[in-house]
Amino acid sequence: MMPRPSFRSSDSGMSLPELLVTITVFGIVSTIIVTFFINVSTTLTQDKAATDSTNIASVGMNELTRVIRSGTEIEVQGQTLNNPVFVTAKSEDMTLYAFLDTDSANPKPVKVRFYLGADRVLKETRWNAYKINVDYWAFNTAAASTRDIARLIGPRVAPEKYLFSYYKEDGTELVVTSTAFTAAQLRSIASVKVTMKVQADLTARAKPVVLENTVGIPNLGISRLGY
């Protein structure tokens, strides 16, 4: 008699405990990978925002410093006193006269305004000068140019300084109020502290960058920063 062949099952499945362990391990590994990716992405976003904020603030601060240091009084025909360096001096709006980007053989002043628009963009407007006789200047009523010099300027949060703060020769601060400075107060301004806060990350996940610089006005002819 022929022996009966034996049959063995070839199905090699996974038991329920093994399946549960596999799912758990896969879940843990996936969580680690996702968390790592989120952390790296957040760090890169924060670093990029900090770099963008620093670059924006640096460009704006350099331009403000350059113009303020070039500030100058303007002689007025028939008057003993010159017009002061500053035409207006507010916390987020400043207009001044300066000898800037001019020809050394034929120097010419310019009137410059810095102000924050409603969009929190720092803007610069310039008016060119023209001679009314050999020694005196007047300024065009039509602006020669307007441009953005720094965007994403963050709002002030107390006790932070405003964008512009003004100081006398002895270091006393001229407090900006709703009332405009008088001509005598404008004439007493010896330096300007610029506090520029830039927030390039609109989600606010990265902290804003804050730069501060106190800028004197050498053209006034005396040292006014001895404090």
Foldseek 3Di string as FASTA:
>chain_A
DDDDDDDDDPDDDDDPVRVVVVVVVVVVVVVVVVVVVVVVVLVVVQVVQAVVLVVQVVQVVVVVQQFQQQFAFFDDPPDPDTQAQWPFDALFKTKGKGQPPADPVDTFIKIKMWGQDPQRFIKIWIWGWDDPDDRHIDTDPDTPDMDTRHGQFDDDDPPDGGQKWFAFLVGDTDDHDPDTDDSVVSNRTFKIKGWTWHGSPPVCSHHTDIDIDIHGHCNVPDRRPPD
